[in-house]
């Protein structure tokens, strides 16, 4: 039940209130998302922006957002006063659903970003862009905002914890968190990530935490269209041995994990021809004999 891409909603107020009393025509928001943006080593301007990004198909829409003062840690509050528009709701074939089950759905996430060009909106980039205009600073780890139209999806008692059906999805808005994945052990032979948690359902008033990392892969949230993700593996590089590891090219921005005595490593990286193009991700692992000289370009310092 997954698609990809955004329409942005706001009605955002920094901290706890909107700054004015409710009048007779006041209508409460459908959903209020709140939490804390934590400090980090990432450089930021005096203000950052928060947006709820709806994804469907491979089409973006324009955004409306307000600023949040970048005095970390900082609380944020985003009132969603409109349901996802029809353009971002994927319809479910009535013949494939049941009474009381969803007839449509939309996926979203929160992003914190820097309005680099100061034009007051989140700028989208074409699929062949080599860089993004704005700078995505962070997003809640693994969070999905799911809207179901027409009904809910009960928990499947037979679903494994790593299956999204492991948690109940109710009609309307849902907050769910993906299982946490960890890299394989250094020196792995068949390298693949493992899950160390289950799908989790959060209350709608959960205090969400957003750590600012400015991970370059977050820029894909700005793509007008995104490619998929694939994986490659080389038996010669899972694991490579000693000096032979110099032939297994490790990207300079790879995530590298070493064992305690630095004699084994595993490195993970993704490459693409552009910000929005297909991503090809791979693990490279290696071992060396502790008594041998450290090979050239060995990634464990």
C-alpha atoms as a PDB file:
ATOM      1  CA  UNK A   1       0.000   0.000   0.000  1.00  0.00           C
ATOM      2  CA  UNK A   2       2.899   2.367  -0.699  1.00  0.00           C
ATOM      3  CA  UNK A   3       3.343   5.187  -3.094  1.00  0.00           C
ATOM      4  CA  UNK A   4       5.715   8.030  -3.249  1.00  0.00           C
ATOM      5  CA  UNK A   5       5.557  11.789  -3.026  1.00  0.00           C
ATOM      6  CA  UNK A   6       4.206  15.007  -1.604  1.00  0.00           C
ATOM      7  CA  UNK A   7       1.682  17.649  -1.138  1.00  0.00           C
ATOM      8  CA  UNK A   8       2.382  19.822   1.825  1.00  0.00           C
ATOM      9  CA  UNK A   9       0.062  21.044   4.502  1.00  0.00           C
ATOM     10  CA  UNK A  10       0.540  23.339   7.377  1.00  0.00           C
ATOM     11  CA  UNK A  11      -1.189  25.741   9.647  1.00  0.00           C
ATOM     12  CA  UNK A  12       1.881  25.723  11.759  1.00  0.00           C
ATOM     13  CA  UNK A  13       2.550  27.552  14.990  1.00  0.00           C
ATOM     14  CA  UNK A  14       5.859  27.450  16.797  1.00  0.00           C
ATOM     15  CA  UNK A  15       5.691  26.374  20.407  1.00  0.00           C
ATOM     16  CA  UNK A  16       2.269  25.823  22.009  1.00  0.00           C
ATOM     17  CA  UNK A  17      -0.283  28.305  20.696  1.00  0.00           C
ATOM     18  CA  UNK A  18      -1.574  30.211  17.661  1.00  0.00           C
ATOM     19  CA  UNK A  19      -1.474  33.627  19.319  1.00  0.00           C
ATOM     20  CA  UNK A  20      -5.197  34.487  19.090  1.00  0.00           C
ATOM     21  CA  UNK A  21      -8.405  33.549  20.839  1.00  0.00           C
ATOM     22  CA  UNK A  22     -10.804  31.131  19.166  1.00  0.00           C
ATOM     23  CA  UNK A  23     -13.792  32.869  17.577  1.00  0.00           C
ATOM     24  CA  UNK A  24     -17.292  31.509  16.997  1.00  0.00           C
ATOM     25  CA  UNK A  25     -16.262  30.139  13.610  1.00  0.00           C
ATOM     26  CA  UNK A  26     -13.243  28.311  15.024  1.00  0.00           C
ATOM     27  CA  UNK A  27     -12.965  24.690  13.998  1.00  0.00           C
ATOM     28  CA  UNK A  28     -10.432  22.443  15.730  1.00  0.00           C
ATOM     29  CA  UNK A  29      -7.727  20.887  13.567  1.00  0.00           C
ATOM     30  CA  UNK A  30      -8.099  17.343  12.324  1.00  0.00           C
ATOM     31  CA  UNK A  31      -4.676  16.580  13.707  1.00  0.00           C
ATOM     32  CA  UNK A  32      -1.973  18.403  15.638  1.00  0.00           C
ATOM     33  CA  UNK A  33       1.549  17.107  15.252  1.00  0.00           C
ATOM     34  CA  UNK A  34       4.003  18.269  17.862  1.00  0.00           C
ATOM     35  CA  UNK A  35       7.403  17.477  19.184  1.00  0.00           C
ATOM     36  CA  UNK A  36      10.922  18.662  19.719  1.00  0.00           C
ATOM     37  CA  UNK A  37      13.671  19.531  17.279  1.00  0.00           C
ATOM     38  CA  UNK A  38      16.913  18.694  19.014  1.00  0.00           C
ATOM     39  CA  UNK A  39      20.208  20.476  18.703  1.00  0.00           C
ATOM     40  CA  UNK A  40      23.028  18.977  16.709  1.00  0.00           C
ATOM     41  CA  UNK A  41      26.322  19.816  15.094  1.00  0.00           C
ATOM     42  CA  UNK A  42      24.521  20.735  11.864  1.00  0.00           C
ATOM     43  CA  UNK A  43      24.760  24.434  11.085  1.00  0.00           C
ATOM     44  CA  UNK A  44      21.378  26.149  10.757  1.00  0.00           C
ATOM     45  CA  UNK A  45      20.043  29.629  10.055  1.00  0.00           C
ATOM     46  CA  UNK A  46      18.149  31.664  12.657  1.00  0.00           C
ATOM     47  CA  UNK A  47      14.909  29.973  11.596  1.00  0.00           C
ATOM     48  CA  UNK A  48      14.040  26.607  10.106  1.00  0.00           C
ATOM     49  CA  UNK A  49      10.790  25.419   8.573  1.00  0.00           C
ATOM     50  CA  UNK A  50       8.565  22.434   9.313  1.00  0.00           C
ATOM     51  CA  UNK A  51       6.198  20.868   6.781  1.00  0.00           C
ATOM     52  CA  UNK A  52       3.919  17.862   6.565  1.00  0.00           C
ATOM     53  CA  UNK A  53       4.627  16.209   3.225  1.00  0.00           C
ATOM     54  CA  UNK A  54       1.998  14.006   1.596  1.00  0.00           C
ATOM     55  CA  UNK A  55       3.205  11.495  -0.950  1.00  0.00           C
ATOM     56  CA  UNK A  56       1.326   9.874  -3.807  1.00  0.00           C
ATOM     57  CA  UNK A  57       2.520   8.556  -7.119  1.00  0.00           C
ATOM     58  CA  UNK A  58       5.450  10.636  -8.269  1.00  0.00           C
ATOM     59  CA  UNK A  59       4.043  14.163  -8.183  1.00  0.00           C
ATOM     60  CA  UNK A  60       4.807  17.011  -5.794  1.00  0.00           C
ATOM     61  CA  UNK A  61       2.677  20.039  -5.008  1.00  0.00           C
ATOM     62  CA  UNK A  62       3.472  23.426  -3.547  1.00  0.00           C
ATOM     63  CA  UNK A  63       3.840  23.959   0.185  1.00  0.00           C
ATOM     64  CA  UNK A  64       2.635  26.418   2.786  1.00  0.00           C
ATOM     65  CA  UNK A  65       4.664  26.595   5.980  1.00  0.00           C
ATOM     66  CA  UNK A  66       5.719  28.893   8.791  1.00  0.00           C
ATOM     67  CA  UNK A  67       9.058  29.384  10.479  1.00  0.00           C
ATOM     68  CA  UNK A  68      10.301  27.900  13.738  1.00  0.00           C
ATOM     69  CA  UNK A  69      13.041  29.685  15.642  1.00  0.00           C
ATOM     70  CA  UNK A  70      16.223  27.631  15.614  1.00  0.00           C
ATOM     71  CA  UNK A  71      17.034  27.844  19.314  1.00  0.00           C
ATOM     72  CA  UNK A  72      17.469  24.153  20.024  1.00  0.00           C
ATOM     73  CA  UNK A  73      15.950  22.220  21.566  1.00  0.00           C
ATOM     74  CA  UNK A  74      12.763  23.854  20.277  1.00  0.00           C
ATOM     75  CA  UNK A  75       9.153  22.735  20.492  1.00  0.00           C
ATOM     76  CA  UNK A  76       7.000  22.807  17.376  1.00  0.00           C
ATOM     77  CA  UNK A  77       3.266  22.460  16.782  1.00  0.00           C
ATOM     78  CA  UNK A  78       1.676  21.875  13.402  1.00  0.00           C
ATOM     79  CA  UNK A  79      -2.126  22.024  13.118  1.00  0.00           C
ATOM     80  CA  UNK A  80      -3.522  20.132  10.138  1.00  0.00           C
ATOM     81  CA  UNK A  81      -6.804  21.861   9.324  1.00  0.00           C
ATOM     82  CA  UNK A  82      -7.506  20.167   6.011  1.00  0.00           C
ATOM     83  CA  UNK A  83      -7.791  16.547   5.000  1.00  0.00           C
ATOM     84  CA  UNK A  84      -5.437  15.330   2.282  1.00  0.00           C
ATOM     85  CA  UNK A  85      -6.892  16.512  -1.037  1.00  0.00           C
ATOM     86  CA  UNK A  86      -8.213  14.021  -3.537  1.00  0.00           C
ATOM     87  CA  UNK A  87      -5.091  14.446  -5.673  1.00  0.00           C
ATOM     88  CA  UNK A  88      -2.951  12.706  -3.069  1.00  0.00           C
ATOM     89  CA  UNK A  89      -5.371   9.960  -2.021  1.00  0.00           C
ATOM     90  CA  UNK A  90      -4.862   6.652  -3.792  1.00  0.00           C
ATOM     91  CA  UNK A  91      -8.152   4.889  -4.423  1.00  0.00           C
ATOM     92  CA  UNK A  92      -8.520   1.221  -3.567  1.00  0.00           C
ATOM     93  CA  UNK A  93     -10.410  -0.992  -5.995  1.00  0.00           C
ATOM     94  CA  UNK A  94     -13.805  -1.569  -4.299  1.00  0.00           C
ATOM     95  CA  UNK A  95     -13.684  -5.199  -5.402  1.00  0.00           C
ATOM     96  CA  UNK A  96     -10.510  -5.681  -3.333  1.00  0.00           C
ATOM     97  CA  UNK A  97     -11.787  -4.211  -0.088  1.00  0.00           C
ATOM     98  CA  UNK A  98     -14.515  -5.093   2.387  1.00  0.00           C
ATOM     99  CA  UNK A  99     -17.215  -3.174   4.276  1.00  0.00           C
ATOM    100  CA  UNK A 100     -15.592  -1.014   6.936  1.00  0.00           C
ATOM    101  CA  UNK A 101     -12.192  -1.210   5.268  1.00  0.00           C
ATOM    102  CA  UNK A 102     -10.356   1.714   3.611  1.00  0.00           C
ATOM    103  CA  UNK A 103     -11.418   2.976   0.206  1.00  0.00           C
ATOM    104  CA  UNK A 104      -8.401   5.284  -0.137  1.00  0.00           C
ATOM    105  CA  UNK A 105      -5.119   6.175   1.538  1.00  0.00           C
ATOM    106  CA  UNK A 106      -2.284   8.688   1.610  1.00  0.00           C
ATOM    107  CA  UNK A 107       1.187   8.632   3.133  1.00  0.00           C
ATOM    108  CA  UNK A 108       3.128  11.508   4.604  1.00  0.00           C
ATOM    109  CA  UNK A 109       6.038  12.520   6.761  1.00  0.00           C
ATOM    110  CA  UNK A 110       7.386  15.570   8.535  1.00  0.00           C
ATOM    111  CA  UNK A 111      10.456  17.391   7.302  1.00  0.00           C
ATOM    112  CA  UNK A 112      12.512  20.155   8.857  1.00  0.00           C
ATOM    113  CA  UNK A 113      14.370  22.164   6.254  1.00  0.00           C
ATOM    114  CA  UNK A 114      16.331  25.319   5.576  1.00  0.00           C
ATOM    115  CA  UNK A 115      14.743  27.717   3.085  1.00  0.00           C
ATOM    116  CA  UNK A 116      18.089  28.291   1.405  1.00  0.00           C
ATOM    117  CA  UNK A 117      16.932  30.794  -1.205  1.00  0.00           C
ATOM    118  CA  UNK A 118      14.583  32.633   1.183  1.00  0.00           C
ATOM    119  CA  UNK A 119      11.493  32.423  -1.015  1.00  0.00           C
ATOM    120  CA  UNK A 120       9.259  31.127   1.788  1.00  0.00           C
ATOM    121  CA  UNK A 121       8.452  27.719   0.354  1.00  0.00           C
ATOM    122  CA  UNK A 122       9.853  24.262  -0.110  1.00  0.00           C
ATOM    123  CA  UNK A 123      11.333  24.145  -3.603  1.00  0.00           C
ATOM    124  CA  UNK A 124      11.059  20.969  -5.615  1.00  0.00           C
ATOM    125  CA  UNK A 125      13.745  19.785  -7.987  1.00  0.00           C
ATOM    126  CA  UNK A 126      13.535  17.893 -11.298  1.00  0.00           C
ATOM    127  CA  UNK A 127      14.595  14.285 -11.545  1.00  0.00           C
ATOM    128  CA  UNK A 128      17.881  15.174 -13.232  1.00  0.00           C
ATOM    129  CA  UNK A 129      18.912  17.757 -10.625  1.00  0.00           C
ATOM    130  CA  UNK A 130      22.444  17.384  -9.322  1.00  0.00           C
ATOM    131  CA  UNK A 131      21.639  19.323  -6.137  1.00  0.00           C
ATOM    132  CA  UNK A 132      18.577  20.495  -4.236  1.00  0.00           C
ATOM    133  CA  UNK A 133      17.700  24.173  -3.849  1.00  0.00           C
ATOM    134  CA  UNK A 134      16.559  23.924  -0.241  1.00  0.00           C
ATOM    135  CA  UNK A 135      18.323  21.860   2.410  1.00  0.00           C
ATOM    136  CA  UNK A 136      16.457  19.141   4.286  1.00  0.00           C
ATOM    137  CA  UNK A 137      17.865  19.064   7.801  1.00  0.00           C
ATOM    138  CA  UNK A 138      15.937  16.241   9.420  1.00  0.00           C
ATOM    139  CA  UNK A 139      12.837  14.081   9.701  1.00  0.00           C
ATOM    140  CA  UNK A 140      11.434  11.923  12.526  1.00  0.00           C
ATOM    141  CA  UNK A 141      13.219   8.568  12.364  1.00  0.00           C
ATOM    142  CA  UNK A 142      11.046   6.019  10.555  1.00  0.00           C
ATOM    143  CA  UNK A 143       7.804   7.960  11.065  1.00  0.00           C
ATOM    144  CA  UNK A 144       4.893   7.530   8.658  1.00  0.00           C
ATOM    145  CA  UNK A 145       1.764   9.669   8.783  1.00  0.00           C
ATOM    146  CA  UNK A 146      -0.997   7.573   7.230  1.00  0.00           C
ATOM    147  CA  UNK A 147      -4.474   8.752   6.331  1.00  0.00           C
ATOM    148  CA  UNK A 148      -7.154   6.139   5.637  1.00  0.00           C
ATOM    149  CA  UNK A 149     -10.434   7.093   4.002  1.00  0.00           C
ATOM    150  CA  UNK A 150     -13.552   5.020   4.532  1.00  0.00           C
ATOM    151  CA  UNK A 151     -12.389   2.629   7.242  1.00  0.00           C
ATOM    152  CA  UNK A 152      -9.508   1.055   9.125  1.00  0.00           C
ATOM    153  CA  UNK A 153      -7.303  -2.029   9.016  1.00  0.00           C
ATOM    154  CA  UNK A 154      -7.272  -4.240  12.127  1.00  0.00           C
ATOM    155  CA  UNK A 155      -4.061  -5.749  13.400  1.00  0.00           C
ATOM    156  CA  UNK A 156      -3.263  -9.067  11.748  1.00  0.00           C
ATOM    157  CA  UNK A 157      -2.515 -11.475  14.631  1.00  0.00           C
ATOM    158  CA  UNK A 158      -0.453 -13.633  12.278  1.00  0.00           C
ATOM    159  CA  UNK A 159       1.705 -10.821  10.906  1.00  0.00           C
ATOM    160  CA  UNK A 160       5.386 -10.826  11.878  1.00  0.00           C
ATOM    161  CA  UNK A 161       6.623  -7.751  13.806  1.00  0.00           C
ATOM    162  CA  UNK A 162       8.444  -6.518  10.695  1.00  0.00           C
ATOM    163  CA  UNK A 163       5.177  -6.415   8.680  1.00  0.00           C
ATOM    164  CA  UNK A 164       3.131  -3.195   8.834  1.00  0.00           C
ATOM    165  CA  UNK A 165      -0.031  -5.268   9.390  1.00  0.00           C
ATOM    166  CA  UNK A 166       1.453  -5.995  12.842  1.00  0.00           C
ATOM    167  CA  UNK A 167      -0.228  -2.769  14.054  1.00  0.00           C
ATOM    168  CA  UNK A 168      -3.807  -1.543  13.790  1.00  0.00           C
ATOM    169  CA  UNK A 169      -4.608   1.303  11.383  1.00  0.00           C
ATOM    170  CA  UNK A 170      -7.797   3.235  12.131  1.00  0.00           C
ATOM    171  CA  UNK A 171      -9.926   5.359   9.834  1.00  0.00           C
ATOM    172  CA  UNK A 172      -8.519   8.876   9.559  1.00  0.00           C
ATOM    173  CA  UNK A 173      -5.008   9.758  10.691  1.00  0.00           C
ATOM    174  CA  UNK A 174      -2.434   7.283  12.021  1.00  0.00           C
ATOM    175  CA  UNK A 175       1.149   7.642  13.234  1.00  0.00           C
ATOM    176  CA  UNK A 176       3.296   4.546  12.831  1.00  0.00           C
ATOM    177  CA  UNK A 177       7.037   3.971  13.130  1.00  0.00           C
ATOM    178  CA  UNK A 178       8.996   1.549  10.978  1.00  0.00           C
ATOM    179  CA  UNK A 179      11.154  -1.165  12.573  1.00  0.00           C
ATOM    180  CA  UNK A 180      14.736  -0.140  13.285  1.00  0.00           C
ATOM    181  CA  UNK A 181      17.321  -1.742  11.018  1.00  0.00           C
ATOM    182  CA  UNK A 182      20.959  -2.260  11.931  1.00  0.00           C
ATOM    183  CA  UNK A 183      23.943  -3.048   9.754  1.00  0.00           C
ATOM    184  CA  UNK A 184      25.407  -6.563   9.703  1.00  0.00           C
ATOM    185  CA  UNK A 185      28.508  -7.439  11.687  1.00  0.00           C
ATOM    186  CA  UNK A 186      31.963  -6.368  10.401  1.00  0.00           C
ATOM    187  CA  UNK A 187      33.490  -9.001   8.152  1.00  0.00           C
ATOM    188  CA  UNK A 188      30.068 -10.384   7.136  1.00  0.00           C
ATOM    189  CA  UNK A 189      29.886 -12.860   4.255  1.00  0.00           C
ATOM    190  CA  UNK A 190      26.228 -12.487   3.319  1.00  0.00           C
ATOM    191  CA  UNK A 191      25.699  -8.880   4.314  1.00  0.00           C
ATOM    192  CA  UNK A 192      22.141  -7.744   4.961  1.00  0.00           C
ATOM    193  CA  UNK A 193      20.587  -5.480   7.582  1.00  0.00           C
ATOM    194  CA  UNK A 194      18.559  -6.971  10.414  1.00  0.00           C
ATOM    195  CA  UNK A 195      15.485  -5.664  12.240  1.00  0.00           C
ATOM    196  CA  UNK A 196      15.809  -5.048  15.967  1.00  0.00           C
ATOM    197  CA  UNK A 197      12.303  -3.722  16.646  1.00  0.00           C
ATOM    198  CA  UNK A 198       8.719  -4.020  15.426  1.00  0.00           C
ATOM    199  CA  UNK A 199       6.259  -1.732  13.682  1.00  0.00           C
ATOM    200  CA  UNK A 200       4.887   0.579  16.372  1.00  0.00           C
ATOM    201  CA  UNK A 201       1.704   2.619  16.519  1.00  0.00           C
ATOM    202  CA  UNK A 202       2.009   6.007  18.247  1.00  0.00           C
ATOM    203  CA  UNK A 203      -0.759   8.093  19.818  1.00  0.00           C
ATOM    204  CA  UNK A 204      -1.673  11.089  17.680  1.00  0.00           C
ATOM    205  CA  UNK A 205      -0.492  13.427  20.422  1.00  0.00           C
ATOM    206  CA  UNK A 206       2.924  11.759  20.669  1.00  0.00           C
ATOM    207  CA  UNK A 207       5.886  14.045  21.334  1.00  0.00           C
ATOM    208  CA  UNK A 208       7.850  13.506  18.140  1.00  0.00           C
ATOM    209  CA  UNK A 209      11.603  13.932  18.120  1.00  0.00           C
ATOM    210  CA  UNK A 210      13.493  15.282  15.120  1.00  0.00           C
ATOM    211  CA  UNK A 211      17.281  15.148  15.168  1.00  0.00           C
ATOM    212  CA  UNK A 212      18.988  17.337  12.604  1.00  0.00           C
ATOM    213  CA  UNK A 213      21.477  15.321  10.552  1.00  0.00           C
ATOM    214  CA  UNK A 214      21.371  17.007   7.121  1.00  0.00           C
ATOM    215  CA  UNK A 215      21.895  13.530   5.627  1.00  0.00           C
ATOM    216  CA  UNK A 216      22.211  14.068   1.841  1.00  0.00           C
ATOM    217  CA  UNK A 217      19.684  11.286   1.212  1.00  0.00           C
ATOM    218  CA  UNK A 218      17.012  13.414   2.907  1.00  0.00           C
ATOM    219  CA  UNK A 219      17.123  15.645  -0.171  1.00  0.00           C
ATOM    220  CA  UNK A 220      15.055  13.039  -2.010  1.00  0.00           C
ATOM    221  CA  UNK A 221      12.060  14.509  -0.155  1.00  0.00           C
ATOM    222  CA  UNK A 222      12.359  17.478  -2.546  1.00  0.00           C
ATOM    223  CA  UNK A 223      12.208  15.506  -5.786  1.00  0.00           C
ATOM    224  CA  UNK A 224       9.399  16.058  -8.278  1.00  0.00           C
ATOM    225  CA  UNK A 225       9.908  12.396  -9.093  1.00  0.00           C
ATOM    226  CA  UNK A 226      12.100   9.786  -7.469  1.00  0.00           C
ATOM    227  CA  UNK A 227      13.652   6.602  -8.696  1.00  0.00           C
ATOM    228  CA  UNK A 228      13.699   3.341  -6.822  1.00  0.00           C
ATOM    229  CA  UNK A 229      16.358   1.706  -4.716  1.00  0.00           C
ATOM    230  CA  UNK A 230      18.351  -1.378  -5.593  1.00  0.00           C
ATOM    231  CA  UNK A 231      21.126  -3.384  -3.995  1.00  0.00           C
ATOM    232  CA  UNK A 232      24.300  -4.867  -5.372  1.00  0.00           C
ATOM    233  CA  UNK A 233      26.767  -7.298  -3.880  1.00  0.00           C
ATOM    234  CA  UNK A 234      30.159  -8.593  -4.910  1.00  0.00           C
ATOM    235  CA  UNK A 235      31.252 -11.946  -3.529  1.00  0.00           C
ATOM    236  CA  UNK A 236      34.861 -10.739  -3.764  1.00  0.00           C
ATOM    237  CA  UNK A 237      33.986  -7.869  -1.431  1.00  0.00           C
ATOM    238  CA  UNK A 238      31.935  -9.808   1.125  1.00  0.00           C
ATOM    239  CA  UNK A 239      34.410 -10.085   2.676  1.00  0.00           C
ATOM    240  CA  UNK A 240      37.522  -8.884   0.944  1.00  0.00           C
ATOM    241  CA  UNK A 241      40.800 -10.007   2.522  1.00  0.00           C
ATOM    242  CA  UNK A 242      43.714  -7.769   3.479  1.00  0.00           C
ATOM    243  CA  UNK A 243      45.366  -5.966   0.566  1.00  0.00           C
ATOM    244  CA  UNK A 244      42.621  -7.171  -1.795  1.00  0.00           C
ATOM    245  CA  UNK A 245      40.234  -4.719  -0.116  1.00  0.00           C
ATOM    246  CA  UNK A 246      41.915  -1.873  -1.992  1.00  0.00           C
ATOM    247  CA  UNK A 247      40.060  -3.144  -5.088  1.00  0.00           C
ATOM    248  CA  UNK A 248      36.698  -2.775  -3.316  1.00  0.00           C
ATOM    249  CA  UNK A 249      35.932   0.910  -3.698  1.00  0.00           C
ATOM    250  CA  UNK A 250      34.494   2.376  -0.493  1.00  0.00           C
ATOM    251  CA  UNK A 251      32.712   5.704  -0.912  1.00  0.00           C
ATOM    252  CA  UNK A 252      34.111   8.583   1.116  1.00  0.00           C
ATOM    253  CA  UNK A 253      30.680   9.135   2.702  1.00  0.00           C
ATOM    254  CA  UNK A 254      30.078   5.434   3.443  1.00  0.00           C
ATOM    255  CA  UNK A 255      28.838   4.428   6.879  1.00  0.00           C
ATOM    256  CA  UNK A 256      31.687   2.271   8.229  1.00  0.00           C
ATOM    257  CA  UNK A 257      31.535   0.003  11.292  1.00  0.00           C
ATOM    258  CA  UNK A 258      34.696  -1.691  12.590  1.00  0.00           C
ATOM    259  CA  UNK A 259      35.163  -4.443  15.150  1.00  0.00           C
ATOM    260  CA  UNK A 260      36.987  -3.778  18.408  1.00  0.00           C
ATOM    261  CA  UNK A 261      40.499  -4.634  17.199  1.00  0.00           C
ATOM    262  CA  UNK A 262      40.037  -2.990  13.774  1.00  0.00           C
ATOM    263  CA  UNK A 263      40.615  -6.245  11.889  1.00  0.00           C
ATOM    264  CA  UNK A 264      37.184  -6.325  10.258  1.00  0.00           C
ATOM    265  CA  UNK A 265      34.758  -3.762   8.881  1.00  0.00           C
ATOM    266  CA  UNK A 266      31.469  -3.349   7.058  1.00  0.00           C
ATOM    267  CA  UNK A 267      30.713  -0.262   4.970  1.00  0.00           C
ATOM    268  CA  UNK A 268      27.356   0.840   3.569  1.00  0.00           C
ATOM    269  CA  UNK A 269      26.780   3.470   0.884  1.00  0.00           C
ATOM    270  CA  UNK A 270      24.312   4.463  -1.825  1.00  0.00           C
ATOM    271  CA  UNK A 271      25.085   6.106  -5.140  1.00  0.00           C
ATOM    272  CA  UNK A 272      22.935   7.771  -7.799  1.00  0.00           C
ATOM    273  CA  UNK A 273      23.480   9.723 -10.977  1.00  0.00           C
ATOM    274  CA  UNK A 274      21.458  12.607  -9.513  1.00  0.00           C
ATOM    275  CA  UNK A 275      19.646  13.546  -6.299  1.00  0.00           C
ATOM    276  CA  UNK A 276      16.374  12.018  -7.511  1.00  0.00           C
ATOM    277  CA  UNK A 277      17.548   9.144  -9.715  1.00  0.00           C
ATOM    278  CA  UNK A 278      17.602   5.449  -8.856  1.00  0.00           C
ATOM    279  CA  UNK A 279      19.724   4.696  -5.803  1.00  0.00           C
ATOM    280  CA  UNK A 280      22.048   1.712  -5.848  1.00  0.00           C
ATOM    281  CA  UNK A 281      23.050   0.681  -2.336  1.00  0.00           C
ATOM    282  CA  UNK A 282      25.694  -1.828  -1.302  1.00  0.00           C
ATOM    283  CA  UNK A 283      27.606  -3.316   1.600  1.00  0.00           C
ATOM    284  CA  UNK A 284      31.331  -3.968   1.448  1.00  0.00           C
ATOM    285  CA  UNK A 285      32.950  -5.988   4.203  1.00  0.00           C
ATOM    286  CA  UNK A 286      36.551  -6.915   4.845  1.00  0.00           C
ATOM    287  CA  UNK A 287      38.926  -8.789   7.130  1.00  0.00           C
ATOM    288  CA  UNK A 288      42.668  -8.759   7.749  1.00  0.00           C
ATOM    289  CA  UNK A 289      45.085 -10.819   9.786  1.00  0.00           C
ATOM    290  CA  UNK A 290      45.927  -8.975  12.997  1.00  0.00           C
ATOM    291  CA  UNK A 291      49.672  -9.696  12.756  1.00  0.00           C
ATOM    292  CA  UNK A 292      49.978  -8.432   9.177  1.00  0.00           C
ATOM    293  CA  UNK A 293      50.732  -4.784   8.337  1.00  0.00           C
ATOM    294  CA  UNK A 294      47.617  -2.637   8.004  1.00  0.00           C
ATOM    295  CA  UNK A 295      46.660  -2.589   4.278  1.00  0.00           C
ATOM    296  CA  UNK A 296      46.642   0.662   2.365  1.00  0.00           C
ATOM    297  CA  UNK A 297      43.310   2.566   2.549  1.00  0.00           C
ATOM    298  CA  UNK A 298      42.085   0.268   5.346  1.00  0.00           C
ATOM    299  CA  UNK A 299      38.882   2.046   6.560  1.00  0.00           C
ATOM    300  CA  UNK A 300      39.343   1.308  10.286  1.00  0.00           C
ATOM    301  CA  UNK A 301      41.656   3.919  11.837  1.00  0.00           C
END
